[in-house]
Amino acid sequence: MAADRLRALLRSLPRPRSVRARAATAAALVMAMVLAVGGAWLYVTLTDNLLDNTQDRTELAARKVAGTTGALPRHLPQPAGGVDAVVVLGPQGQPLAGTGPDPAAGGAAELAGFRPAPGKETSSKVLPTTAASGQRSLAVVVRDESTQGTRYVYALTALADLNDATRALGVTLLVGGPLLMALAAVIAWAVTGLALRPVEAIRAELASVTASALDRRVPDPKGKDEITLLARTVNRTLDRLEQAVSRQRQFTADASHELRNPIAALRTELEVALLATQAPESAAPERQTPESAGSVRKALDAAVRLQRIADDLLLLARLDTQPAPAADPADLALLCAEEIARRRGPRVPLVLDATAPVPVRGDAVQLERLLANLVDNALRHAAGEVRLSAAVEPATGQAVLRVADDGPGIPPEAAEQVFERFARLHAARHRRSGGTGLGLAIARDIARAHGGSLRVEPSARGALLVACFPVRGV
């Protein structure tokens, strides 16, 4: 149960997202563990060494006094070696001698109960505080069997050096530890960044690979490491993808091209048959039934639609494989005006909002096709009006073409779906509307080929399609 709670807690903690951040975090944590273990070991080692050294000096001072023969003077000289005080007590704890003006002030009452264990000559312990030093001290007692009887010689040394050393060690770890952790994290971040630089180059190159630029390849680093193998595998995969897409495009282009002639012949035959049904009754009385005329007209409409699909597929195949379009001068406002003039008596009126030229550069035929597809789409769904506008946006410096209708509109969740090939939105884009499902896909491909974009923008009513192009002087 406790292990499950710990795992749940660890999973709930935020984790770095990038590999570099994870490596830096891991390096900092490892450094923290090393500092914790090393600091603890260093503290224990330093404390033991300083205590051993202090005990040796303190015991030496006590033995010098214990080795004195005869009676001791009541006032002993100050011992050397950093020892603070020496006190001599009798068997009953009475003070016999000591350093300083008053031997009893050396802590006789505090030391009386501290004696060597039976069978031992010396003993030592750390005292919290003593009257002699006023701080934590190390006390060493030596049993002295002299001609004057048994006496106990106590030597006391303040642990100021030990306290200072451990305090300095603590400050060093508290200050230097985070700095070392930060340094380890920075080094890990930099080293991981250098190691991942080829991976970033591979990622950036892959991000730039599009359907119209499948010939691009990721850089192939020198060496035989894992990154080199990854780059070569990616390039082999791109080779296979390019070949597959190339075969698909070639098949689409060949099929569309081969279908154009029989579809055109079929359309011609149907047009001739339709004309025959409309001839005077004396010319062909057996063809004058309304049923035959309706059947021929439906077949002709289907042939026209099939011809449009074949033409659109062929155009898409060419757009996928063609180089950059021409950079001829063009005027979006003029193209809109010409498109409206070509539409003789449309089902709904076309309104143009353009007061100034909108200069761009590109293939005029393709730009006309883009505009025609947008207008066709708007006319199929408009209820009472289609509005065209072209202007240069001062904020972005782009030439912006807008085509809006007052039809049912495009749901926000389908704003990208409408640009897919053969995409249709339930009843609003049913096949009976007359579209091929390729018009908006072709329009977006043309816009992107000209360095621009085509998107659906929110509108209070109907659909609003916006095409943006870089402005270039005409």
Protein backbone atom coordinates (compact mmCIF):
# COMPACT_ATOMS: atom_id res chain seq x y z
CA MET A 1 0.00 0.00 0.00
CA ALA A 2 2.79 2.42 0.93
CA ALA A 3 4.68 1.53 -2.24
CA ASP A 4 1.56 2.23 -4.33
CA ARG A 5 1.13 5.61 -2.66
CA LEU A 6 4.79 6.43 -3.33
CA ARG A 7 4.46 5.48 -6.99
CA ALA A 8 1.29 7.55 -7.30
CA LEU A 9 3.06 10.51 -5.71
CA LEU A 10 6.00 10.20 -8.08
CA ARG A 11 3.67 10.00 -11.08
CA SER A 12 1.86 13.13 -9.94
CA LEU A 13 5.07 15.17 -9.83
CA PRO A 14 5.72 17.37 -12.88
CA ARG A 15 8.26 15.89 -15.27
CA PRO A 16 10.50 17.76 -17.71
CA ARG A 17 9.24 17.36 -21.26
CA SER A 18 12.44 17.67 -23.29
CA VAL A 19 15.32 15.22 -23.28
CA ARG A 20 17.75 18.02 -22.44
CA ALA A 21 15.68 19.06 -19.43
CA ARG A 22 15.42 15.47 -18.22
CA ALA A 23 19.17 14.98 -18.59
CA ALA A 24 19.89 18.22 -16.72
CA THR A 25 17.46 17.26 -13.94
CA ALA A 26 19.00 13.80 -13.67
CA ALA A 27 22.51 15.28 -13.47
CA ALA A 28 21.41 17.70 -10.73
CA LEU A 29 19.78 14.86 -8.76
CA VAL A 30 22.86 12.66 -9.10
CA MET A 31 25.04 15.54 -7.94
CA ALA A 32 22.72 16.08 -4.97
CA MET A 33 23.02 12.40 -4.03
CA VAL A 34 26.82 12.51 -4.36
CA LEU A 35 26.98 15.67 -2.24
CA ALA A 36 24.70 14.16 0.41
CA VAL A 37 26.69 10.94 0.69
CA GLY A 38 30.04 12.69 0.37
CA GLY A 39 29.06 15.40 2.83
CA ALA A 40 27.94 12.87 5.42
CA TRP A 41 31.15 10.87 5.00
CA LEU A 42 33.27 14.01 5.18
CA TYR A 43 31.43 15.20 8.31
CA VAL A 44 31.96 11.91 10.11
CA THR A 45 35.60 11.66 9.04
CA LEU A 46 36.37 15.27 9.98
CA THR A 47 34.66 14.94 13.36
CA ASP A 48 36.48 11.70 14.20
CA ASN A 49 39.87 13.08 13.20
CA LEU A 50 39.45 16.31 15.14
CA LEU A 51 38.17 14.47 18.22
CA ASP A 52 41.07 12.02 18.09
CA ASN A 53 43.57 14.87 17.79
CA THR A 54 41.94 16.84 20.61
CA GLN A 55 41.81 13.76 22.83
CA ASP A 56 45.50 13.04 22.27
CA ARG A 57 46.48 16.60 23.23
CA THR A 58 44.14 16.64 26.22
CA GLU A 59 45.30 13.24 27.51
CA LEU A 60 48.95 14.29 27.14
CA ALA A 61 48.32 17.34 29.33
CA ALA A 62 46.60 15.20 31.99
CA ARG A 63 49.42 12.63 32.00
CA LYS A 64 52.05 15.34 32.45
CA VAL A 65 50.33 16.42 35.66
CA ALA A 66 49.71 12.81 36.75
CA GLY A 67 53.38 12.02 36.29
CA THR A 68 54.42 14.64 38.82
CA THR A 69 55.93 13.04 41.93
CA GLY A 70 55.26 14.35 45.36
CA ALA A 71 52.71 16.90 46.39
CA LEU A 72 51.17 19.13 43.70
CA PRO A 73 51.01 22.89 44.03
CA ARG A 74 47.49 24.11 44.49
CA HIS A 75 47.79 26.41 41.49
CA LEU A 76 48.97 24.57 38.39
CA PRO A 77 50.50 26.36 35.40
CA GLN A 78 48.39 26.76 32.24
CA PRO A 79 48.93 23.65 30.08
CA ALA A 80 50.23 23.91 26.53
CA GLY A 81 48.79 22.46 23.30
CA GLY A 82 45.50 24.34 23.43
CA VAL A 83 44.24 22.61 26.58
CA ASP A 84 42.03 24.99 28.55
CA ALA A 85 42.18 23.70 32.10
CA VAL A 86 43.51 20.96 34.37
CA VAL A 87 41.78 19.97 37.63
CA VAL A 88 43.02 17.45 40.20
CA LEU A 89 40.43 15.86 42.49
CA GLY A 90 40.83 13.55 45.41
CA PRO A 91 39.04 10.25 45.98
CA GLN A 92 36.10 12.04 47.54
CA GLY A 93 35.89 14.62 44.77
CA GLN A 94 37.58 17.35 46.76
CA PRO A 95 39.67 19.76 44.65
CA LEU A 96 43.41 19.33 45.25
CA ALA A 97 44.88 21.51 42.51
CA GLY A 98 44.01 23.21 39.29
CA THR A 99 44.79 25.93 36.82
CA GLY A 100 43.60 29.42 37.50
CA PRO A 101 43.33 31.34 40.76
CA ASP A 102 40.61 29.07 42.20
CA PRO A 103 40.96 25.33 41.52
CA ALA A 104 37.37 24.72 42.61
CA ALA A 105 36.19 26.97 39.79
CA GLY A 106 37.55 24.53 37.19
CA GLY A 107 34.39 22.43 37.35
CA ALA A 108 35.20 20.16 40.28
CA ALA A 109 31.54 19.59 41.11
CA GLU A 110 30.75 18.70 37.49
CA LEU A 111 33.70 16.33 37.13
CA ALA A 112 33.47 14.46 40.46
CA GLY A 113 31.16 11.79 39.11
CA PHE A 114 33.28 11.17 36.02
CA ARG A 115 35.88 8.47 36.77
CA PRO A 116 37.68 5.80 34.73
CA ALA A 117 35.93 2.44 34.62
CA PRO A 118 37.27 -0.24 36.93
CA GLY A 119 40.45 -1.71 35.54
CA LYS A 120 41.07 1.27 33.27
CA GLU A 121 43.46 4.12 33.78
CA THR A 122 41.87 6.76 31.56
CA SER A 123 38.48 7.74 30.23
CA SER A 124 37.06 10.59 28.16
CA LYS A 125 33.74 12.14 27.28
CA VAL A 126 32.26 15.28 25.73
CA LEU A 127 30.73 17.65 28.23
CA PRO A 128 27.89 19.94 27.09
CA THR A 129 29.28 22.92 29.01
CA THR A 130 31.80 23.48 31.76
CA ALA A 131 32.51 26.29 34.13
CA ALA A 132 36.03 26.51 32.79
CA SER A 133 35.24 27.00 29.12
CA GLY A 134 31.55 27.93 29.03
CA GLN A 135 31.02 25.72 25.97
CA ARG A 136 31.07 22.13 24.83
CA SER A 137 34.36 20.55 25.87
CA LEU A 138 36.24 17.28 25.77
CA ALA A 139 37.22 15.98 29.22
CA VAL A 140 39.92 13.34 29.77
CA VAL A 141 40.51 11.82 33.24
CA VAL A 142 43.66 9.93 34.31
CA ARG A 143 43.79 7.90 37.56
CA ASP A 144 47.06 8.68 39.35
CA GLU A 145 48.24 6.30 42.09
CA SER A 146 50.88 8.47 43.74
CA THR A 147 52.68 8.40 47.05
CA GLN A 148 50.10 10.94 48.19
CA GLY A 149 47.29 8.50 47.49
CA THR A 150 44.81 8.12 44.64
CA ARG A 151 43.99 11.26 42.76
CA TYR A 152 42.20 12.00 39.50
CA VAL A 153 43.66 14.40 36.97
CA TYR A 154 41.15 16.01 34.62
CA ALA A 155 42.16 17.91 31.50
CA LEU A 156 39.55 19.89 29.53
CA THR A 157 39.76 21.25 26.01
CA ALA A 158 37.04 23.35 24.40
CA LEU A 159 35.82 21.95 21.10
CA ALA A 160 35.91 25.34 19.39
CA ASP A 161 38.06 24.02 16.52
CA LEU A 162 35.67 21.12 15.96
CA ASN A 163 32.65 23.42 16.06
CA ASP A 164 34.28 25.88 13.65
CA ALA A 165 35.31 23.12 11.26
CA THR A 166 31.87 21.46 11.18
CA ARG A 167 30.20 24.85 10.82
CA ALA A 168 32.47 25.75 7.91
CA LEU A 169 31.76 22.37 6.32
CA GLY A 170 28.01 22.91 6.67
CA VAL A 171 28.19 26.39 5.13
CA THR A 172 30.34 25.07 2.29
CA LEU A 173 27.86 22.30 1.52
CA LEU A 174 24.85 24.61 1.78
CA VAL A 175 26.40 27.22 -0.51
CA GLY A 176 28.53 25.07 -2.76
CA GLY A 177 26.02 22.21 -3.08
CA PRO A 178 23.39 24.13 -5.07
CA LEU A 179 26.15 25.72 -7.14
CA LEU A 180 27.58 22.31 -7.99
CA MET A 181 24.10 21.02 -8.78
CA ALA A 182 23.47 23.97 -11.06
CA LEU A 183 26.86 23.48 -12.71
CA ALA A 184 26.13 19.79 -13.29
CA ALA A 185 22.74 20.67 -14.76
CA VAL A 186 24.25 23.29 -17.08
CA ILE A 187 26.98 20.91 -18.24
CA ALA A 188 24.43 18.13 -18.83
CA TRP A 189 22.18 20.59 -20.71
CA ALA A 190 25.04 21.72 -22.94
CA VAL A 191 26.44 18.24 -23.58
CA THR A 192 22.97 16.81 -24.30
CA GLY A 193 22.29 19.72 -26.64
CA LEU A 194 25.48 19.01 -28.57
CA ALA A 195 24.62 15.31 -28.72
CA LEU A 196 21.06 16.03 -29.89
CA ARG A 197 22.01 18.68 -32.44
CA PRO A 198 21.98 16.15 -35.31
CA VAL A 199 18.59 14.90 -34.10
CA GLU A 200 17.24 18.46 -34.15
CA ALA A 201 18.59 18.89 -37.69
CA ILE A 202 16.80 15.67 -38.69
CA ARG A 203 13.57 16.87 -37.05
CA ALA A 204 13.72 20.29 -38.72
CA GLU A 205 14.36 18.75 -42.13
CA LEU A 206 11.54 16.25 -41.70
CA ALA A 207 9.19 19.09 -40.72
CA SER A 208 10.00 20.82 -44.02
CA VAL A 209 9.21 17.73 -46.10
CA THR A 210 5.84 18.26 -47.77
CA ALA A 211 3.89 16.59 -50.52
CA SER A 212 5.47 18.99 -53.01
CA ALA A 213 9.02 18.61 -51.65
CA LEU A 214 9.51 14.88 -51.13
CA ASP A 215 12.98 15.05 -52.68
CA ARG A 216 14.46 16.60 -49.51
CA ARG A 217 16.61 14.43 -47.27
CA VAL A 218 17.83 14.73 -43.71
CA PRO A 219 21.56 15.39 -43.11
CA ASP A 220 23.64 12.23 -42.82
CA PRO A 221 26.17 12.68 -39.98
CA LYS A 222 29.54 10.99 -40.31
CA GLY A 223 30.18 8.06 -38.04
CA LYS A 224 28.52 4.82 -37.03
CA ASP A 225 26.58 5.86 -33.95
CA GLU A 226 22.84 5.59 -33.34
CA ILE A 227 22.10 9.05 -34.75
CA THR A 228 23.80 8.18 -38.03
CA LEU A 229 21.79 4.98 -38.28
CA LEU A 230 18.61 6.96 -37.55
CA ALA A 231 19.38 9.48 -40.30
CA ARG A 232 20.05 6.75 -42.85
CA THR A 233 16.87 4.90 -41.90
CA VAL A 234 14.84 8.11 -42.25
CA ASN A 235 16.35 8.81 -45.66
CA ARG A 236 15.58 5.28 -46.86
CA THR A 237 12.01 5.70 -45.63
CA LEU A 238 11.73 9.04 -47.49
CA ASP A 239 13.06 7.33 -50.63
CA ARG A 240 10.32 4.71 -50.45
CA LEU A 241 7.70 7.36 -49.69
CA GLU A 242 8.80 9.49 -52.65
CA GLN A 243 8.65 6.50 -54.97
CA ALA A 244 5.18 5.53 -53.75
CA VAL A 245 3.82 9.08 -54.06
CA SER A 246 5.45 9.46 -57.46
CA ARG A 247 3.77 6.27 -58.69
CA GLN A 248 0.45 7.44 -57.27
CA ARG A 249 0.71 10.85 -58.94
CA GLN A 250 1.75 9.29 -62.22
CA PHE A 251 -1.19 6.91 -62.08
CA THR A 252 -3.60 9.78 -61.35
CA ALA A 253 -2.19 11.88 -64.17
CA ASP A 254 -2.22 8.98 -66.66
CA ALA A 255 -5.73 7.89 -65.69
CA SER A 256 -7.09 11.44 -65.89
CA HIS A 257 -5.42 12.01 -69.24
CA GLU A 258 -6.66 8.73 -70.70
CA LEU A 259 -10.20 9.40 -69.47
CA ARG A 260 -10.44 12.84 -71.05
CA ASN A 261 -10.78 11.64 -74.65
CA PRO A 262 -13.50 9.00 -74.12
CA ILE A 263 -15.39 11.31 -71.79
CA ALA A 264 -15.20 14.13 -74.36
CA ALA A 265 -16.43 11.76 -77.08
CA LEU A 266 -19.26 10.57 -74.83
CA ARG A 267 -20.24 14.14 -74.08
CA THR A 268 -20.28 15.00 -77.79
CA GLU A 269 -22.48 12.03 -78.61
CA LEU A 270 -24.88 12.95 -75.81
CA GLU A 271 -25.06 16.56 -76.98
CA VAL A 272 -25.86 15.36 -80.52
CA ALA A 273 -28.51 13.03 -79.13
CA LEU A 274 -30.02 15.85 -77.07
CA LEU A 275 -30.15 18.09 -80.14
CA ALA A 276 -31.88 15.28 -82.03
CA THR A 277 -34.59 15.05 -79.38
CA GLN A 278 -35.19 18.77 -79.77
CA ALA A 279 -35.45 18.63 -83.60
CA PRO A 280 -38.81 19.08 -85.40
CA GLU A 281 -41.09 16.08 -85.12
CA SER A 282 -40.95 15.51 -88.91
CA ALA A 283 -37.19 14.94 -88.70
CA ALA A 284 -37.24 12.19 -86.10
CA PRO A 285 -40.70 11.50 -84.73
CA GLU A 286 -39.53 8.39 -82.87
CA ARG A 287 -37.16 10.53 -80.70
CA GLN A 288 -39.68 13.13 -79.56
CA THR A 289 -40.74 11.51 -76.27
CA PRO A 290 -40.18 13.57 -73.08
CA GLU A 291 -38.70 10.51 -71.37
CA SER A 292 -35.95 10.15 -73.98
CA ALA A 293 -35.05 13.84 -73.77
CA GLY A 294 -34.85 13.71 -69.96
CA SER A 295 -32.68 10.59 -70.00
CA VAL A 296 -30.28 12.10 -72.50
CA ARG A 297 -30.03 15.32 -70.46
CA LYS A 298 -29.26 13.39 -67.26
CA ALA A 299 -26.62 11.35 -69.05
CA LEU A 300 -25.11 14.55 -70.45
CA ASP A 301 -24.98 16.14 -67.00
CA ALA A 302 -23.23 13.04 -65.65
CA ALA A 303 -20.71 13.15 -68.50
CA VAL A 304 -20.02 16.86 -67.87
CA ARG A 305 -19.48 16.14 -64.19
CA LEU A 306 -17.18 13.22 -64.98
CA GLN A 307 -15.20 15.43 -67.34
CA ARG A 308 -14.78 18.05 -64.60
CA ILE A 309 -13.51 15.43 -62.15
CA ALA A 310 -10.98 14.16 -64.68
CA ASP A 311 -9.79 17.72 -65.40
CA ASP A 312 -9.50 18.49 -61.68
CA LEU A 313 -7.55 15.30 -60.98
CA LEU A 314 -5.17 16.10 -63.82
CA LEU A 315 -4.69 19.65 -62.49
CA LEU A 316 -4.00 18.35 -58.97
CA ALA A 317 -1.40 15.94 -60.31
CA ARG A 318 0.30 18.80 -62.15
CA LEU A 319 0.22 21.06 -59.09
CA ASP A 320 1.88 18.32 -57.03
CA THR A 321 4.76 17.92 -59.45
CA GLN A 322 5.23 21.33 -61.02
CA PRO A 323 8.03 23.68 -59.94
CA ALA A 324 7.31 27.14 -58.55
CA PRO A 325 4.63 28.96 -60.58
CA ALA A 326 5.38 31.90 -62.81
CA ALA A 327 5.90 35.31 -61.21
CA ASP A 328 3.95 37.44 -63.67
CA PRO A 329 2.28 40.67 -62.46
CA ALA A 330 -1.35 40.25 -61.47
CA ASP A 331 -4.07 42.30 -59.78
CA LEU A 332 -6.48 40.48 -57.48
CA ALA A 333 -9.06 43.27 -57.71
CA LEU A 334 -9.00 43.10 -61.52
CA LEU A 335 -9.25 39.30 -61.45
CA CYS A 336 -12.35 39.59 -59.26
CA ALA A 337 -13.94 42.08 -61.64
CA GLU A 338 -13.21 39.84 -64.64
CA GLU A 339 -14.60 36.79 -62.84
CA ILE A 340 -17.87 38.63 -62.11
CA ALA A 341 -18.07 39.78 -65.74
CA ARG A 342 -17.70 36.18 -66.95
CA ARG A 343 -20.60 35.05 -64.77
CA ARG A 344 -23.56 35.98 -66.92
CA GLY A 345 -26.73 36.03 -64.90
CA PRO A 346 -25.76 33.79 -61.95
CA ARG A 347 -28.44 32.36 -59.68
CA VAL A 348 -27.47 34.86 -56.97
CA PRO A 349 -25.84 38.28 -57.50
CA LEU A 350 -22.07 38.75 -57.14
CA VAL A 351 -20.92 41.92 -55.33
CA LEU A 352 -17.34 43.22 -55.47
CA ASP A 353 -15.76 45.33 -52.73
CA ALA A 354 -12.46 46.61 -54.14
CA THR A 355 -11.49 50.26 -54.54
CA ALA A 356 -7.79 49.99 -55.36
CA PRO A 357 -5.46 47.61 -57.20
CA VAL A 358 -4.11 44.67 -55.16
CA PRO A 359 -0.79 43.79 -56.82
CA VAL A 360 0.65 40.29 -56.57
CA ARG A 361 2.89 38.11 -58.71
CA GLY A 362 2.05 34.64 -59.88
CA ASP A 363 0.56 32.47 -62.59
CA ALA A 364 -2.50 34.39 -63.80
CA VAL A 365 -4.24 31.24 -65.07
CA GLN A 366 -3.84 29.49 -61.73
CA LEU A 367 -4.99 32.55 -59.80
CA GLU A 368 -8.06 32.74 -62.03
CA ARG A 369 -8.73 29.07 -61.32
CA LEU A 370 -8.40 29.66 -57.56
CA LEU A 371 -10.89 32.53 -57.71
CA ALA A 372 -13.30 30.57 -59.94
CA ASN A 373 -13.29 27.62 -57.55
CA LEU A 374 -14.03 29.88 -54.58
CA VAL A 375 -16.85 31.61 -56.43
CA ASP A 376 -18.30 28.26 -57.61
CA ASN A 377 -18.29 26.99 -54.03
CA ALA A 378 -19.99 30.16 -52.77
CA LEU A 379 -22.64 30.16 -55.52
CA ARG A 380 -23.59 26.55 -54.77
CA HIS A 381 -24.38 27.36 -51.15
CA ALA A 382 -25.44 31.03 -51.17
CA ALA A 383 -29.03 31.96 -50.44
CA GLY A 384 -29.16 35.52 -51.74
CA GLU A 385 -25.70 37.02 -52.29
CA VAL A 386 -22.00 36.29 -52.81
CA ARG A 387 -19.56 39.04 -51.87
CA LEU A 388 -15.97 39.31 -53.14
CA SER A 389 -13.35 41.68 -51.71
CA ALA A 390 -9.65 42.26 -52.36
CA ALA A 391 -7.37 44.60 -50.43
CA VAL A 392 -3.90 44.98 -48.99
CA GLU A 393 -3.92 44.57 -45.22
CA PRO A 394 -1.75 47.32 -43.67
CA ALA A 395 -1.16 45.31 -40.48
CA THR A 396 0.28 42.24 -42.22
CA GLY A 397 1.33 43.71 -45.55
CA GLN A 398 -0.44 40.87 -47.38
CA ALA A 399 -2.84 40.84 -50.28
CA VAL A 400 -6.09 39.38 -48.94
CA LEU A 401 -8.89 37.93 -51.06
CA ARG A 402 -12.22 37.20 -49.35
CA VAL A 403 -15.19 35.30 -50.77
CA ALA A 404 -18.29 35.23 -48.56
CA ASP A 405 -21.74 33.74 -49.01
CA ASP A 406 -24.93 33.81 -46.94
CA GLY A 407 -25.56 30.09 -47.06
CA PRO A 408 -25.56 27.49 -44.24
CA GLY A 409 -21.88 28.10 -43.46
CA ILE A 410 -19.09 25.74 -42.45
CA PRO A 411 -18.95 24.31 -38.90
CA PRO A 412 -15.76 25.23 -37.01
CA GLU A 413 -14.82 21.58 -36.58
CA ALA A 414 -14.90 21.15 -40.39
CA ALA A 415 -12.79 24.23 -41.19
CA GLU A 416 -9.89 22.01 -42.36
CA GLN A 417 -11.92 19.08 -43.63
CA VAL A 418 -13.39 21.14 -46.48
CA PHE A 419 -9.91 21.44 -48.03
CA GLU A 420 -9.43 17.68 -48.23
CA ARG A 421 -9.83 16.01 -51.58
CA PHE A 422 -13.37 14.71 -52.20
CA ALA A 423 -14.41 16.10 -48.82
CA ARG A 424 -18.13 16.70 -48.28
CA LEU A 425 -20.09 18.04 -45.33
CA HIS A 426 -23.32 16.03 -44.89
CA ALA A 427 -26.32 17.54 -46.69
CA ALA A 428 -24.81 20.98 -47.30
CA ARG A 429 -22.22 19.52 -49.68
CA HIS A 430 -24.20 16.72 -51.24
CA ARG A 431 -23.25 15.60 -54.72
CA ARG A 432 -26.46 17.12 -56.09
CA SER A 433 -24.94 20.53 -55.37
CA GLY A 434 -22.80 20.05 -58.47
CA GLY A 435 -19.35 20.15 -56.93
CA THR A 436 -16.62 17.57 -57.55
CA GLY A 437 -15.19 17.72 -54.02
CA LEU A 438 -11.85 18.93 -55.42
CA GLY A 439 -12.40 22.66 -55.90
CA LEU A 440 -11.26 23.90 -52.50
CA ALA A 441 -8.36 21.40 -52.42
CA ILE A 442 -7.15 22.80 -55.76
CA ALA A 443 -7.59 26.38 -54.52
CA ARG A 444 -5.51 25.75 -51.40
CA ASP A 445 -2.74 24.03 -53.41
CA ILE A 446 -2.61 27.03 -55.76
CA ALA A 447 -2.47 29.46 -52.83
CA ARG A 448 0.37 27.55 -51.16
CA ALA A 449 2.28 27.27 -54.44
CA HIS A 450 2.21 31.09 -54.56
CA GLY A 451 3.58 31.40 -51.03
CA GLY A 452 0.16 32.16 -49.56
CA SER A 453 -2.60 30.42 -47.64
CA LEU A 454 -6.30 29.66 -47.81
CA ARG A 455 -8.46 29.18 -44.73
CA VAL A 456 -11.98 29.38 -43.37
CA GLU A 457 -12.63 32.30 -41.02
CA PRO A 458 -15.58 32.74 -38.64
CA SER A 459 -18.50 34.64 -40.08
CA ALA A 460 -21.75 35.95 -38.66
CA ARG A 461 -23.63 34.28 -41.50
CA GLY A 462 -22.66 31.89 -44.24
CA ALA A 463 -19.10 30.84 -45.10
CA LEU A 464 -16.08 33.12 -45.40
CA LEU A 465 -12.98 31.87 -47.23
CA VAL A 466 -9.86 34.02 -47.05
CA ALA A 467 -6.81 33.70 -49.29
CA CYS A 468 -3.62 35.60 -48.39
CA PHE A 469 -0.67 36.28 -50.68
CA PRO A 470 2.60 38.20 -50.33
CA VAL A 471 2.36 41.66 -51.88
CA ARG A 472 4.83 42.20 -54.70
CA GLY A 473 5.23 45.27 -56.85
CA VAL A 474 3.69 45.05 -60.27
